[in-house]
Protein backbone atom coordinates (compact mmCIF):
# COMPACT_ATOMS: atom_id res chain seq x y z
CA MET A 1 6.30 9.45 16.91
CA GLY A 2 9.96 10.08 17.62
CA GLY A 3 11.37 10.85 21.03
CA PRO A 4 13.70 9.59 23.72
CA LEU A 5 13.71 5.96 24.80
CA LEU A 6 10.10 5.25 25.55
CA ALA A 7 8.86 3.59 28.72
CA VAL A 8 5.67 1.57 28.55
CA SER A 9 3.76 4.28 30.41
CA LEU A 10 4.78 6.85 27.82
CA LEU A 11 3.97 4.45 25.03
CA VAL A 12 0.44 3.98 26.30
CA GLY A 13 -0.09 7.71 26.13
CA SER A 14 1.37 8.01 22.66
CA VAL A 15 -0.25 5.20 20.73
CA ALA A 16 -3.79 4.19 19.96
CA PRO A 17 -5.22 0.71 19.44
CA VAL A 18 -5.54 -0.46 15.86
CA ALA A 19 -8.63 -2.28 14.67
CA ALA A 20 -7.55 -4.57 11.86
CA GLU A 21 -7.79 -8.15 10.75
CA ALA A 22 -4.78 -10.42 10.63
CA SER A 23 -2.92 -10.03 7.37
CA ARG A 24 -3.17 -12.97 4.99
CA ASP A 25 -1.25 -13.87 1.90
CA ALA A 26 -3.19 -14.29 -1.34
CA SER A 27 -2.61 -18.04 -1.20
CA ASP A 28 -5.10 -20.31 0.56
CA ASP A 29 -2.14 -22.28 1.89
CA VAL A 30 -0.96 -19.51 4.20
CA GLY A 31 -1.42 -20.56 7.81
CA VAL A 32 -0.37 -17.42 9.66
CA GLY A 33 -1.63 -13.86 10.00
CA ILE A 34 -0.11 -10.74 11.52
CA ARG A 35 -1.45 -7.27 12.27
CA LEU A 36 -0.39 -4.08 13.98
CA VAL A 37 -2.01 -3.46 17.38
CA ASP A 38 -0.78 0.09 18.11
CA ALA A 39 -0.50 3.27 16.07
CA PRO A 40 0.65 6.76 17.14
CA VAL A 41 -2.16 8.96 18.40
CA SER A 42 -0.87 11.66 16.05
CA ARG A 43 -1.75 9.34 13.16
CA ARG A 44 -5.12 8.12 14.43
CA ASP A 45 -6.81 9.35 11.22
CA ASP A 46 -4.14 7.88 8.93
CA GLU A 47 -5.39 4.58 7.54
CA ARG A 48 -1.87 3.56 6.50
CA ALA A 49 -0.63 3.87 10.10
CA HIS A 50 -3.22 1.30 11.16
CA ARG A 51 -1.70 -1.26 8.82
CA TYR A 52 2.01 -0.39 8.76
CA ILE A 53 4.60 0.98 11.18
CA ILE A 54 5.06 4.53 9.90
CA ASP A 55 7.09 6.98 11.94
CA HIS A 56 9.82 9.62 12.05
CA VAL A 57 12.62 9.10 14.59
CA GLU A 58 15.76 11.03 15.48
CA PRO A 59 19.06 9.09 15.66
CA GLY A 60 19.53 7.46 19.05
CA ARG A 61 15.80 7.37 19.80
CA GLN A 62 13.48 4.39 20.19
CA ILE A 63 9.89 3.39 19.42
CA ARG A 64 7.87 0.33 20.46
CA ARG A 65 4.83 -1.27 18.86
CA ARG A 66 2.73 -4.35 19.53
CA ILE A 67 1.80 -6.86 16.87
CA ALA A 68 -0.75 -9.66 17.00
CA VAL A 69 -0.02 -13.02 15.39
CA THR A 70 -2.69 -15.60 14.58
CA ASN A 71 -2.37 -19.26 13.65
CA LEU A 72 -4.78 -19.58 10.73
CA SER A 73 -4.10 -23.26 10.15
CA ASP A 74 -5.89 -26.27 11.63
CA THR A 75 -2.80 -27.61 13.43
CA ARG A 76 -0.54 -26.39 16.21
CA GLN A 77 2.26 -24.23 14.76
CA ARG A 78 5.60 -22.80 15.79
CA VAL A 79 5.68 -19.23 14.48
CA ARG A 80 9.01 -17.44 14.10
CA LEU A 81 9.13 -13.63 14.20
CA TYR A 82 11.89 -11.59 12.56
CA ALA A 83 12.60 -8.45 10.56
CA ALA A 84 13.92 -8.60 6.99
CA ALA A 85 14.93 -5.98 4.47
CA ALA A 86 12.65 -4.24 2.02
CA ALA A 87 13.08 -1.45 -0.51
CA VAL A 88 11.02 0.95 -2.60
CA HIS A 89 12.02 0.86 -6.26
CA GLN A 90 10.35 1.99 -9.45
CA GLU A 91 8.18 -1.13 -9.31
CA GLY A 92 7.00 -0.33 -5.79
CA PHE A 93 7.55 -1.87 -2.34
CA THR A 94 9.71 -4.99 -2.72
CA PHE A 95 10.67 -7.67 -0.19
CA ALA A 96 14.17 -9.07 0.13
CA PRO A 97 14.47 -12.88 -0.02
CA GLY A 98 14.49 -14.89 3.19
CA ARG A 99 16.01 -13.14 6.19
CA THR A 100 18.16 -10.69 4.24
CA GLY A 101 18.96 -7.72 6.45
CA ASN A 102 19.66 -4.01 6.00
CA GLU A 103 20.47 -1.04 8.23
CA LEU A 104 16.95 -0.87 9.64
CA THR A 105 16.72 -4.55 10.56
CA LYS A 106 19.82 -4.14 12.75
CA TRP A 107 17.79 -1.77 14.94
CA VAL A 108 14.79 -4.10 15.32
CA THR A 109 14.21 -6.57 18.13
CA LEU A 110 11.14 -8.75 18.69
CA GLU A 111 10.05 -10.15 22.03
CA PRO A 112 9.35 -12.97 21.93
CA GLY A 113 11.05 -14.10 18.74
CA GLU A 114 8.98 -17.27 18.56
CA LEU A 115 5.42 -18.29 19.43
CA VAL A 116 3.74 -21.68 19.65
CA LEU A 117 0.07 -21.29 18.78
CA ALA A 118 -2.90 -23.62 18.70
CA PRO A 119 -5.32 -23.43 15.74
CA ASP A 120 -7.00 -20.00 15.61
CA GLU A 121 -5.00 -18.83 18.63
CA THR A 122 -3.72 -15.23 18.68
CA ALA A 123 -0.80 -13.93 20.73
CA LYS A 124 0.85 -10.52 20.97
CA ALA A 125 4.52 -9.60 20.72
CA TRP A 126 6.52 -6.40 21.12
CA THR A 127 8.72 -4.93 18.44
CA GLU A 128 11.31 -2.37 19.51
CA ILE A 129 13.19 -0.16 17.05
CA THR A 130 16.25 1.60 18.49
CA VAL A 131 17.80 3.86 15.86
CA ALA A 132 21.59 3.99 15.91
CA ARG A 133 23.18 7.34 16.77
CA ASP A 134 25.15 7.22 13.51
CA ALA A 135 22.14 6.12 11.46
CA THR A 136 21.90 7.12 7.82
CA GLY A 137 19.33 9.86 7.34
CA GLY A 138 16.32 9.39 5.12
CA GLU A 139 13.59 6.78 4.87
CA HIS A 140 14.28 3.14 5.67
CA TYR A 141 12.16 0.09 4.85
CA ALA A 142 11.72 -3.39 6.29
CA VAL A 143 9.06 -5.99 7.05
CA LEU A 144 8.17 -7.72 10.33
CA TRP A 145 7.53 -11.31 9.30
CA ALA A 146 5.58 -14.07 11.04
CA GLU A 147 6.68 -17.37 9.48
CA ILE A 148 5.72 -21.01 9.78
CA SER A 149 7.55 -23.89 8.14
CA PRO A 150 5.41 -26.97 7.44
CA LYS A 151 6.90 -30.30 8.43
CA HIS A 152 9.56 -31.38 5.99
CA ASP A 153 8.49 -33.98 3.44
CA PRO A 154 11.55 -35.87 2.12
CA SER A 155 9.69 -36.58 -1.13
CA GLN A 156 9.45 -32.86 -1.91
CA GLN A 157 12.39 -31.08 -3.54
CA VAL A 158 11.15 -27.64 -2.51
CA ARG A 159 10.54 -26.72 1.14
CA ASN A 160 7.49 -24.49 1.47
CA VAL A 161 7.47 -21.61 3.93
CA ALA A 162 4.40 -19.54 4.73
CA ARG A 163 4.76 -16.02 6.08
CA ALA A 164 2.80 -12.80 6.47
CA GLY A 165 4.22 -9.40 7.31
CA VAL A 166 3.76 -5.82 8.50
CA ARG A 167 5.68 -3.17 6.58
CA ILE A 168 7.93 -0.60 8.27
CA TYR A 169 8.39 2.90 6.81
CA LEU A 170 10.84 4.64 9.14
CA SER A 171 12.06 8.17 8.47
CA VAL A 172 15.31 9.03 10.28
CA GLY A 173 16.69 12.52 10.87
CA PRO A 174 16.72 15.53 13.20
CA GLY A 175 13.76 17.85 13.57
CA GLY A 176 10.28 17.32 12.23
CA GLU A 177 9.06 14.69 9.81
CA PRO A 178 9.50 15.37 6.08
CA ARG A 179 6.23 16.29 4.42
CA SER A 180 4.30 13.89 2.22
CA ASP A 181 2.93 15.21 -1.08
CA PHE A 182 2.40 14.32 -4.72
CA ARG A 183 0.97 15.67 -7.94
CA ILE A 184 -0.88 14.06 -10.83
CA GLU A 185 -0.70 15.27 -14.41
CA ASN A 186 -0.56 14.55 -18.16
CA LEU A 187 -3.67 12.48 -18.67
CA THR A 188 -4.01 10.51 -21.88
CA GLY A 189 -6.89 8.32 -22.98
CA SER A 190 -6.61 5.74 -25.74
CA ARG A 191 -7.83 2.37 -26.95
CA ALA A 192 -5.26 -0.42 -27.19
CA ALA A 193 -4.85 -2.69 -30.19
CA ASP A 194 -6.96 -5.34 -28.46
CA GLY A 195 -9.82 -2.86 -28.08
CA VAL A 196 -9.39 -2.20 -24.36
CA PRO A 197 -9.68 1.47 -23.27
CA VAL A 198 -6.61 2.68 -21.41
CA VAL A 199 -6.09 5.81 -19.31
CA THR A 200 -2.60 6.86 -18.27
CA ALA A 201 -1.16 9.72 -16.24
CA ARG A 202 2.08 10.65 -14.56
CA VAL A 203 2.17 10.66 -10.76
CA LYS A 204 5.10 12.43 -9.10
CA ASN A 205 6.06 12.06 -5.42
CA THR A 206 7.05 15.61 -4.51
CA GLY A 207 7.53 14.94 -0.79
CA GLY A 208 10.10 13.26 1.41
CA ARG A 209 8.25 10.04 2.29
CA ALA A 210 7.06 6.99 0.37
CA LEU A 211 3.40 6.94 -0.63
CA ASP A 212 0.86 4.13 -0.89
CA LEU A 213 -1.61 5.50 -3.40
CA THR A 214 -5.23 4.45 -3.70
CA GLY A 215 -8.25 6.27 -5.05
CA LYS A 216 -11.30 6.35 -7.27
CA LEU A 217 -11.92 7.30 -10.89
CA THR A 218 -15.27 8.34 -12.34
CA LEU A 219 -16.26 9.12 -15.92
CA SER A 220 -19.21 11.33 -16.77
CA ASP A 221 -20.65 13.45 -19.61
CA GLY A 222 -19.65 10.79 -22.12
CA PRO A 223 -21.29 10.03 -25.48
CA GLY A 224 -25.06 10.33 -25.13
CA GLY A 225 -24.66 11.51 -21.54
CA LEU A 226 -23.27 8.19 -20.34
CA SER A 227 -21.27 7.85 -17.14
CA ALA A 228 -19.23 5.05 -15.55
CA GLY A 229 -17.70 4.27 -12.19
CA PRO A 230 -16.55 5.02 -9.62
CA VAL A 231 -13.68 2.63 -10.18
CA ASN A 232 -11.37 1.68 -7.32
CA VAL A 233 -7.82 2.67 -8.15
CA LYS A 234 -4.62 1.29 -6.65
CA ALA A 235 -1.43 2.96 -7.75
CA GLY A 236 0.95 1.12 -5.44
CA THR A 237 3.97 2.45 -3.53
CA LEU A 238 5.94 5.42 -4.86
CA GLY A 239 9.24 6.44 -3.28
CA PRO A 240 10.38 10.01 -2.53
CA GLY A 241 11.34 11.93 -5.67
CA ARG A 242 10.10 9.17 -7.95
CA SER A 243 7.46 9.34 -10.63
CA THR A 244 5.62 6.70 -12.55
CA LEU A 245 3.43 6.44 -15.62
CA ALA A 246 0.32 5.10 -13.98
CA LYS A 247 -2.01 3.06 -16.12
CA THR A 248 -5.48 1.59 -15.85
CA THR A 249 -7.50 -0.53 -18.24
CA LEU A 250 -11.25 -0.01 -18.54
CA ASP A 251 -14.20 -2.10 -19.67
CA PRO A 252 -13.96 -2.86 -23.43
CA ARG A 253 -17.64 -1.86 -23.75
CA LEU A 254 -16.79 1.76 -22.92
CA PRO A 255 -17.83 3.79 -26.00
CA ASP A 256 -15.36 5.93 -27.91
CA GLY A 257 -15.72 9.62 -27.33
CA VAL A 258 -14.93 12.51 -25.03
CA TRP A 259 -15.52 12.02 -21.29
CA THR A 260 -15.15 14.09 -18.15
CA ALA A 261 -12.81 12.17 -15.88
CA ARG A 262 -12.43 12.86 -12.16
CA LEU A 263 -9.70 11.22 -10.14
CA THR A 264 -9.07 11.32 -6.40
CA LEU A 265 -5.87 9.78 -5.07
CA THR A 266 -4.99 9.39 -1.39
CA SER A 267 -1.96 8.33 0.62
CA GLY A 268 -2.48 8.52 4.35
CA LEU A 269 -3.75 12.00 5.16
CA VAL A 270 -2.71 13.48 1.80
CA LYS A 271 -5.46 13.67 -0.82
CA ARG A 272 -5.27 15.18 -4.30
CA GLN A 273 -8.10 15.50 -6.81
CA THR A 274 -8.14 16.50 -10.45
CA SER A 275 -10.56 16.38 -13.35
CA GLY A 276 -10.56 17.07 -17.06
CA ARG A 277 -11.88 16.06 -20.47
CA ILE A 278 -10.24 12.99 -21.96
CA THR A 279 -10.76 11.17 -25.24
CA ILE A 280 -11.17 7.43 -25.60
CA GLY A 281 -10.64 6.18 -29.15
CA ALA A 282 -10.94 8.49 -32.13
CA PRO A 283 -11.52 12.23 -31.37
CA GLN A 284 -15.20 13.21 -31.49
CA ALA A 285 -16.87 16.33 -32.85
CA GLU A 286 -16.80 18.20 -29.56
CA GLY A 287 -13.03 18.07 -29.54
CA GLY A 288 -10.60 15.42 -28.44
CA ARG A 289 -7.82 17.31 -26.83
CA ASN A 290 -6.67 15.70 -23.60
CA THR A 291 -6.12 17.79 -20.50
CA SER A 292 -4.00 17.39 -17.40
CA MET A 293 -5.27 14.86 -14.92
CA ALA A 294 -4.05 11.89 -13.13
CA THR A 295 -4.67 8.22 -12.89
CA LEU A 296 -4.29 5.48 -11.23
CA THR A 297 -2.71 2.18 -11.17
CA ALA A 298 0.84 1.01 -11.34
CA GLY A 299 1.89 -2.09 -13.18
CA GLY A 300 0.12 -5.38 -12.70
CA LEU A 301 -1.71 -4.18 -9.58
CA ALA A 302 -3.82 -1.90 -11.77
CA SER A 303 -5.06 -4.60 -14.08
CA VAL A 304 -6.03 -6.91 -11.23
CA ALA A 305 -7.76 -4.24 -9.16
CA ALA A 306 -9.58 -2.63 -12.05
CA ALA A 307 -10.78 -5.86 -13.63
CA ALA A 308 -12.77 -6.93 -10.59
CA VAL A 309 -14.51 -3.58 -10.28
CA LEU A 310 -15.10 -2.94 -13.95
CA ALA A 311 -16.86 -6.27 -14.33
CA ALA A 312 -19.75 -4.63 -12.46
CA TYR A 313 -19.76 -1.43 -14.54
CA ALA A 314 -23.23 0.05 -14.98
CA TYR A 315 -23.62 2.73 -17.59
CA ARG A 316 -26.33 5.21 -16.92
CA ARG A 317 -27.69 8.20 -18.79
CA ARG A 318 -27.55 11.67 -17.37
CA ASN A 319 -31.22 11.50 -16.27
CA GLY A 320 -30.47 8.35 -14.21
CA SER A 321 -32.17 5.84 -16.51
CA ARG A 322 -30.30 2.62 -17.47
């Protein structure tokens, strides 16, 4: 949603409320949550835009969004709000340490910059992003952080800080927003030395914006008519022009043989699907040549996401019997 400096009245007509829970860190010790309240009406069907600030803005223009911050702890907390740098590298979306800044964070203001919240209390704040007239073109990344610092314990050498954040993906440049697109190819199935089936594929970001890829993988027409899945797939964040060898590990009980694999990957409103015959383990009589397809998870995120789902794998024969 780019455009001239936006008044509140214009903002109301250009954004839609976001229904989302407060973001939590994986740790049980985190005492703060944060979520996006508004998303552009033009992105009402984009699930990513309900979780992150995603927009395209011309230099010199401004956007505003509301965020909601919740004290998830059982004590009154002072919550500090600020923007810090982020980047998209080969390993995905990465956060800079502490309050490290970048070009984008210089354009961000938060009002208020601090909240005092009772247990389970939620308050809203405005974030305003005013892009400099001489801004560098391209996509910029940052995070809006809500942070609490527990009372200092002199006996502890390390000072713990809890924070939760909302990502910012801001495209800067004249004219319309760069398109988002990707392709998936070069599927290979194998069985690792430890006996775990592995499926890999190359995913290429062919558009001008970063992608957050998720999807599902199903296997069918396997040995004896077996099928498996669907398996939730999380391929992580992939920057413009980048590619990655995505990898997923499957249940060790998956039999060797030739399978029909179908993968659907999605980032925002962009969805791509592909299918093909792949071989797990030694080639079988019906042929073991792999075909182009795509998969699924990047790095450590894949192993974690797949493991939880694959624990519930149910193999079923083609007639539906178990």
